[in-house]
N, C-alpha and C. Protein backbone atom coordinates (compact mmCIF):
# COMPACT_ATOMS: atom_id res chain seq x y z
N MET A 1 0.77 -1.09 -0.17
CA MET A 1 0.05 0.05 0.00
C MET A 1 0.87 1.31 0.12
N ASN A 2 0.31 2.11 -0.64
CA ASN A 2 1.15 3.58 -0.68
C ASN A 2 1.56 3.99 0.83
N ARG A 3 2.71 4.35 1.02
CA ARG A 3 2.96 4.78 2.34
C ARG A 3 2.43 5.96 2.92
N ILE A 4 2.08 6.96 1.98
CA ILE A 4 1.40 8.18 2.30
C ILE A 4 0.00 7.83 2.64
N VAL A 5 -0.81 6.97 1.77
CA VAL A 5 -2.00 6.58 2.20
C VAL A 5 -2.24 6.00 3.69
N LYS A 6 -1.16 5.05 3.90
CA LYS A 6 -0.93 4.36 5.24
C LYS A 6 -0.90 5.40 6.40
N ARG A 7 -0.07 6.63 6.05
CA ARG A 7 0.35 7.57 7.29
C ARG A 7 -1.06 8.46 7.41
N TRP A 8 -1.87 8.77 6.30
CA TRP A 8 -3.02 9.41 6.58
C TRP A 8 -3.86 8.65 7.35
N ALA A 9 -4.08 7.34 7.03
CA ALA A 9 -5.16 6.45 7.58
C ALA A 9 -4.94 6.45 9.16
N GLY A 10 -3.27 6.42 9.39
CA GLY A 10 -3.15 6.40 10.79
C GLY A 10 -3.41 7.75 11.48
N ILE A 11 -3.17 8.74 10.86
CA ILE A 11 -3.28 10.06 11.66
C ILE A 11 -4.84 10.06 11.78
N TYR A 12 -5.68 9.64 10.92
CA TYR A 12 -7.15 9.79 11.10
C TYR A 12 -7.72 8.91 12.36
N PHE A 13 -7.05 7.63 12.42
CA PHE A 13 -7.30 6.79 13.68
C PHE A 13 -6.73 7.28 14.80
N LEU A 14 -5.69 8.01 14.85
CA LEU A 14 -5.32 8.55 15.96
C LEU A 14 -6.18 9.75 16.15
N PHE A 15 -6.75 10.51 15.56
CA PHE A 15 -7.57 11.82 15.66
C PHE A 15 -8.84 11.10 16.23
N GLN A 16 -9.29 9.92 15.67
CA GLN A 16 -10.60 9.56 15.93
C GLN A 16 -10.46 8.93 17.65
N GLY A 17 -9.38 8.26 17.82
CA GLY A 17 -9.14 7.76 19.37
C GLY A 17 -9.17 8.94 20.23
N ILE A 18 -8.40 9.96 19.90
CA ILE A 18 -8.11 11.22 20.66
C ILE A 18 -9.67 11.84 20.83
N SER A 19 -10.41 11.90 19.66
CA SER A 19 -11.72 12.61 19.87
C SER A 19 -12.79 11.81 20.74
N GLY A 20 -12.50 10.51 20.65
CA GLY A 20 -13.52 9.61 21.59
C GLY A 20 -13.03 9.65 22.96
N LEU A 21 -11.70 10.04 23.38
CA LEU A 21 -11.37 10.17 24.82
C LEU A 21 -11.77 11.53 25.34
N VAL A 22 -11.62 12.44 24.24
CA VAL A 22 -12.20 13.85 24.83
C VAL A 22 -13.57 13.91 25.07
N TRP A 23 -14.45 13.08 24.07
CA TRP A 23 -15.92 13.02 24.40
C TRP A 23 -16.16 12.50 25.69
N TRP A 24 -15.86 11.31 25.83
CA TRP A 24 -16.02 10.39 27.25
C TRP A 24 -15.51 11.13 28.39
N SER A 25 -14.29 11.96 28.44
CA SER A 25 -13.95 12.65 29.45
C SER A 25 -14.96 13.84 29.77
N VAL A 26 -15.31 14.42 28.56
CA VAL A 26 -16.30 15.61 28.72
C VAL A 26 -17.65 14.77 29.59
N LEU A 27 -18.07 13.73 29.04
CA LEU A 27 -19.13 13.18 29.62
C LEU A 27 -19.03 12.80 31.08
N LEU A 28 -18.01 12.32 31.35
CA LEU A 28 -17.99 11.82 32.89
C LEU A 28 -17.51 13.14 33.81
N ILE A 29 -16.71 14.24 33.34
CA ILE A 29 -16.16 15.06 34.27
C ILE A 29 -17.34 16.04 34.20
N VAL A 30 -18.31 16.43 33.21
CA VAL A 30 -19.28 17.40 33.18
C VAL A 30 -20.53 16.90 32.92
N PRO A 31 -21.12 16.37 33.98
CA PRO A 31 -22.39 15.58 34.02
C PRO A 31 -23.63 16.40 33.25
N GLU A 32 -23.54 17.70 33.41
CA GLU A 32 -24.68 18.54 32.42
C GLU A 32 -24.18 18.38 31.03
N SER A 33 -23.33 18.04 30.68
CA SER A 33 -23.00 17.78 29.14
C SER A 33 -24.07 16.78 28.55
N ARG A 34 -24.27 15.91 29.44
CA ARG A 34 -24.86 14.70 28.93
C ARG A 34 -26.13 14.94 27.98
N SER A 35 -26.98 15.96 28.65
CA SER A 35 -28.28 16.30 27.93
C SER A 35 -28.24 17.12 26.64
N VAL A 36 -26.80 17.20 26.18
CA VAL A 36 -26.76 18.07 24.90
C VAL A 36 -26.67 16.77 23.96
N PHE A 37 -26.12 15.72 24.36
CA PHE A 37 -26.16 14.62 23.21
C PHE A 37 -27.51 14.11 22.89
N PHE A 38 -28.01 13.46 24.03
CA PHE A 38 -29.48 12.84 23.93
C PHE A 38 -30.35 13.19 24.98
N PRO A 39 -30.81 14.50 24.84
CA PRO A 39 -31.56 15.00 26.00
C PRO A 39 -32.80 14.22 26.60
N VAL A 40 -33.39 13.41 25.92
CA VAL A 40 -34.60 12.59 26.39
C VAL A 40 -34.33 11.30 26.82
N ILE A 41 -33.38 10.86 26.99
CA ILE A 41 -32.98 9.35 27.20
C ILE A 41 -32.42 9.37 28.75
N PRO A 42 -32.68 8.27 29.34
CA PRO A 42 -32.08 8.23 30.74
C PRO A 42 -30.41 8.16 30.50
N GLU A 43 -29.65 8.88 31.70
CA GLU A 43 -28.32 8.74 31.15
C GLU A 43 -27.48 7.38 31.27
N ILE A 44 -28.29 6.53 31.85
CA ILE A 44 -27.51 5.08 31.69
C ILE A 44 -27.62 4.61 30.37
N ALA A 45 -28.44 4.84 29.52
CA ALA A 45 -28.56 4.61 28.13
C ALA A 45 -27.42 5.02 27.42
N LEU A 46 -27.01 6.35 27.72
CA LEU A 46 -25.86 7.01 27.24
C LEU A 46 -24.50 6.48 27.70
N LEU A 47 -24.49 6.37 28.95
CA LEU A 47 -23.19 5.88 29.61
C LEU A 47 -22.92 4.21 29.63
N GLY A 48 -23.78 3.71 29.10
CA GLY A 48 -23.80 2.13 29.28
C GLY A 48 -22.78 1.51 28.45
N PHE A 49 -22.39 1.99 27.40
CA PHE A 49 -21.48 1.52 26.32
C PHE A 49 -20.16 2.16 26.42
N TRP A 50 -19.82 2.88 27.79
CA TRP A 50 -18.32 3.31 27.95
C TRP A 50 -17.37 2.21 27.79
N LEU A 51 -17.48 1.04 28.51
CA LEU A 51 -16.48 -0.03 28.31
C LEU A 51 -16.09 -0.20 26.80
N ALA A 52 -17.09 -0.83 26.16
CA ALA A 52 -16.91 -1.12 24.65
C ALA A 52 -16.34 0.25 23.93
N ASP A 53 -16.87 1.27 24.11
CA ASP A 53 -16.19 2.39 23.35
C ASP A 53 -14.87 2.55 23.67
N PHE A 54 -14.54 2.44 25.12
CA PHE A 54 -12.96 2.63 25.49
C PHE A 54 -12.24 1.67 24.47
N VAL A 55 -12.50 0.40 24.65
CA VAL A 55 -11.66 -0.68 24.16
C VAL A 55 -11.62 -0.59 22.75
N PHE A 56 -12.74 -0.67 22.00
CA PHE A 56 -12.72 -0.68 20.51
C PHE A 56 -12.44 0.67 19.69
N PHE A 57 -13.30 1.80 20.47
CA PHE A 57 -13.26 3.27 19.62
C PHE A 57 -11.87 3.81 20.04
N ILE A 58 -11.70 3.82 21.15
CA ILE A 58 -10.50 4.72 21.49
C ILE A 58 -9.12 3.89 21.51
N LEU A 59 -9.26 2.92 22.49
CA LEU A 59 -7.68 2.29 22.68
C LEU A 59 -7.56 1.49 21.12
N GLY A 60 -8.52 0.89 20.40
CA GLY A 60 -8.31 0.20 18.96
C GLY A 60 -8.08 1.29 18.04
N SER A 61 -8.69 2.37 18.00
CA SER A 61 -8.42 3.46 17.05
C SER A 61 -6.83 4.08 17.25
N LEU A 62 -6.53 4.08 18.50
CA LEU A 62 -5.19 4.73 18.76
C LEU A 62 -4.13 3.50 18.32
N LEU A 63 -4.22 2.39 18.68
CA LEU A 63 -3.34 1.36 18.36
C LEU A 63 -3.31 1.25 16.87
N LEU A 64 -4.61 1.19 16.17
CA LEU A 64 -4.33 1.19 14.75
C LEU A 64 -3.86 2.24 14.36
N GLY A 65 -4.04 3.43 14.63
CA GLY A 65 -3.02 4.50 14.32
C GLY A 65 -1.68 4.55 14.42
N PHE A 66 -1.24 4.13 15.44
CA PHE A 66 0.33 3.95 15.78
C PHE A 66 0.60 2.64 14.74
N THR A 67 0.02 1.86 14.73
CA THR A 67 0.46 0.79 13.84
C THR A 67 0.70 1.17 12.18
N LEU A 68 -0.30 1.80 11.67
CA LEU A 68 -0.10 2.33 10.38
C LEU A 68 0.85 3.43 10.24
N ILE A 69 1.00 4.22 11.09
CA ILE A 69 2.22 5.34 11.03
C ILE A 69 3.50 4.56 11.40
N ALA A 70 3.42 3.77 12.39
CA ALA A 70 4.92 3.07 12.27
C ALA A 70 5.50 2.23 11.41
N GLY A 71 4.35 1.99 10.35
CA GLY A 71 4.52 0.88 9.24
C GLY A 71 4.72 -0.77 9.76
N PHE A 72 4.10 -0.94 10.88
CA PHE A 72 4.07 -2.37 11.32
C PHE A 72 2.95 -3.05 10.31
N SER A 73 3.38 -4.57 10.03
CA SER A 73 2.48 -5.13 9.28
C SER A 73 1.02 -5.27 9.55
N MET A 74 0.12 -5.29 8.62
CA MET A 74 -1.13 -5.13 8.91
C MET A 74 -1.82 -6.25 9.51
N ASN A 75 -2.76 -5.95 10.74
CA ASN A 75 -3.15 -6.98 11.29
C ASN A 75 -4.85 -6.96 11.20
N ARG A 76 -5.32 -7.92 10.32
CA ARG A 76 -6.76 -7.80 9.87
C ARG A 76 -7.61 -8.10 10.96
N LEU A 77 -7.14 -8.64 12.13
CA LEU A 77 -7.99 -8.84 13.19
C LEU A 77 -8.30 -7.50 13.90
N LEU A 78 -7.21 -6.71 13.96
CA LEU A 78 -7.16 -5.28 14.63
C LEU A 78 -8.23 -4.38 13.67
N PHE A 79 -8.04 -4.59 12.64
CA PHE A 79 -8.87 -3.76 11.47
C PHE A 79 -10.33 -4.13 11.95
N GLY A 80 -10.59 -5.42 11.96
CA GLY A 80 -11.84 -5.79 11.97
C GLY A 80 -12.51 -5.57 13.32
N ALA A 81 -11.59 -5.62 14.50
CA ALA A 81 -12.34 -5.24 15.86
C ALA A 81 -12.78 -3.78 15.79
N VAL A 82 -11.66 -2.86 15.34
CA VAL A 82 -12.08 -1.59 15.42
C VAL A 82 -13.18 -1.08 14.37
N ALA A 83 -12.99 -1.68 13.36
CA ALA A 83 -14.30 -1.40 12.55
C ALA A 83 -15.67 -2.05 13.01
N GLY A 84 -15.70 -3.04 13.50
CA GLY A 84 -16.89 -3.60 14.32
C GLY A 84 -17.20 -2.66 15.46
N GLY A 85 -16.42 -2.41 16.38
CA GLY A 85 -16.71 -1.58 17.25
C GLY A 85 -17.16 -0.07 16.89
N ILE A 86 -16.84 0.21 16.06
CA ILE A 86 -17.12 1.76 15.72
C ILE A 86 -18.53 1.75 14.92
N VAL A 87 -18.78 0.64 14.20
CA VAL A 87 -20.06 0.66 13.43
C VAL A 87 -21.00 0.23 14.16
N TYR A 88 -20.54 -0.70 15.46
CA TYR A 88 -21.71 -0.88 16.62
C TYR A 88 -22.15 0.27 17.15
N ALA A 89 -21.29 1.14 17.57
CA ALA A 89 -21.38 2.53 18.33
C ALA A 89 -22.15 3.44 17.37
N GLY A 90 -22.17 3.42 15.96
CA GLY A 90 -22.81 4.22 15.26
C GLY A 90 -23.93 3.81 15.11
N LEU A 91 -24.35 2.40 15.00
CA LEU A 91 -25.66 2.06 14.86
C LEU A 91 -26.45 2.03 16.30
N TYR A 92 -25.61 2.00 17.41
CA TYR A 92 -26.30 2.24 18.66
C TYR A 92 -26.77 3.64 18.68
N CYS A 93 -25.96 4.53 18.20
CA CYS A 93 -26.48 6.06 18.31
C CYS A 93 -27.69 6.18 17.38
N LEU A 94 -27.73 5.48 16.32
CA LEU A 94 -28.89 5.66 15.52
C LEU A 94 -29.95 5.15 15.88
N GLY A 95 -29.75 4.04 16.50
CA GLY A 95 -31.30 3.47 17.41
C GLY A 95 -31.60 4.43 18.54
N LEU A 96 -30.78 5.18 19.12
CA LEU A 96 -31.04 6.14 20.45
C LEU A 96 -31.83 7.03 19.45
N SER A 97 -31.11 7.72 18.35
CA SER A 97 -31.87 8.87 17.88
C SER A 97 -33.28 8.53 17.30
N ILE A 98 -33.24 7.43 16.75
CA ILE A 98 -34.57 6.96 16.20
C ILE A 98 -35.82 6.77 17.11
N LEU A 99 -35.40 6.32 18.38
CA LEU A 99 -36.08 5.99 19.47
C LEU A 99 -36.71 7.37 20.29
N SER A 100 -35.63 8.23 20.48
CA SER A 100 -35.92 9.53 21.13
C SER A 100 -35.99 10.70 20.32
N MET A 101 -35.93 10.44 18.84
CA MET A 101 -36.01 11.60 18.15
C MET A 101 -35.32 12.77 18.72
N SER A 102 -34.01 12.45 18.88
CA SER A 102 -33.13 13.61 19.34
C SER A 102 -31.59 13.20 19.13
N GLY A 103 -30.82 13.96 19.37
CA GLY A 103 -29.27 13.74 19.00
C GLY A 103 -28.87 13.33 17.86
N TRP A 104 -29.67 13.78 16.80
CA TRP A 104 -29.27 13.44 15.21
C TRP A 104 -27.77 14.06 14.87
N MET A 105 -27.35 15.14 15.55
CA MET A 105 -25.89 15.70 14.99
C MET A 105 -24.93 14.84 15.26
N TRP A 106 -25.00 14.26 16.72
CA TRP A 106 -24.07 13.43 17.10
C TRP A 106 -24.10 11.95 16.38
N THR A 107 -25.33 11.60 16.20
CA THR A 107 -25.53 10.22 15.37
C THR A 107 -24.94 10.37 13.88
N ILE A 108 -25.20 11.49 13.23
CA ILE A 108 -24.74 11.78 12.18
C ILE A 108 -23.19 11.78 12.05
N LEU A 109 -22.47 12.33 13.22
CA LEU A 109 -20.90 12.23 13.17
C LEU A 109 -20.65 10.91 13.49
N MET A 110 -21.39 9.98 14.14
CA MET A 110 -21.02 8.57 14.40
C MET A 110 -20.89 7.84 12.99
N ILE A 111 -22.02 8.07 12.39
CA ILE A 111 -22.19 7.39 11.22
C ILE A 111 -21.31 7.68 10.19
N GLY A 112 -20.69 9.06 10.27
CA GLY A 112 -19.75 9.42 9.16
C GLY A 112 -18.47 8.89 9.51
N ALA A 113 -18.12 8.53 10.93
CA ALA A 113 -16.95 8.13 11.54
C ALA A 113 -17.01 6.44 11.32
N SER A 114 -18.19 5.83 11.17
CA SER A 114 -18.33 4.56 10.79
C SER A 114 -17.96 4.37 9.37
N ALA A 115 -18.43 5.13 8.64
CA ALA A 115 -18.37 5.02 6.97
C ALA A 115 -16.56 5.30 6.64
N ILE A 116 -16.12 6.38 7.18
CA ILE A 116 -14.77 6.56 7.04
C ILE A 116 -14.02 5.45 7.44
N THR A 117 -14.28 4.82 8.71
CA THR A 117 -13.51 3.60 9.10
C THR A 117 -13.57 2.50 8.12
N ILE A 118 -14.74 2.16 7.63
CA ILE A 118 -15.14 1.16 6.94
C ILE A 118 -14.16 1.37 5.56
N TYR A 119 -14.24 2.39 5.08
CA TYR A 119 -13.28 2.73 3.78
C TYR A 119 -12.01 2.73 4.14
N LEU A 120 -11.45 3.19 5.12
CA LEU A 120 -10.08 2.95 5.42
C LEU A 120 -9.65 1.69 5.70
N VAL A 121 -10.35 0.82 6.35
CA VAL A 121 -10.13 -0.50 6.49
C VAL A 121 -10.01 -1.24 5.12
N TRP A 122 -11.03 -1.01 4.53
CA TRP A 122 -11.20 -1.68 3.22
C TRP A 122 -9.92 -1.48 2.31
N VAL A 123 -9.58 -0.19 2.33
CA VAL A 123 -8.38 0.41 1.53
C VAL A 123 -6.87 -0.12 2.06
N CYS A 124 -6.85 -0.26 3.17
CA CYS A 124 -5.74 -0.70 4.07
C CYS A 124 -5.61 -2.41 3.91
N VAL A 125 -6.62 -3.06 4.06
CA VAL A 125 -6.65 -4.59 3.92
C VAL A 125 -6.51 -5.16 2.47
N ASN A 126 -7.10 -4.04 1.55
CA ASN A 126 -7.20 -4.87 0.16
C ASN A 126 -6.03 -3.98 -0.66
N GLU A 127 -4.84 -4.10 0.02
CA GLU A 127 -3.54 -3.25 -0.71
C GLU A 127 -3.16 -4.33 -1.82
């Protein structure tokens, strides 16, 4: 695969992981912020997927980003785990938005992150 494409994919995954870390930090440190994301659902529904998000979205994205930038060999299992975790989170947000009729901006961002992740995984795995 083109080294430049790999590097940009790595930068994207690092950005994605850091963004997820910032988002969860705000949710946990500033409880009032939770109502901005999904104002009509119980907090437990929003906070309930923190562990999966931390493992797949944050740690997985960061690890994948470092792997791509450092030029290590491609690990299809890592690509699949990160993509699956992010797509799951995007679909979870979509389900919350459909049920609550709120939080659409955040859902659109998650669906966008899911689409970009799927595309980058496809490009990187099918080199």
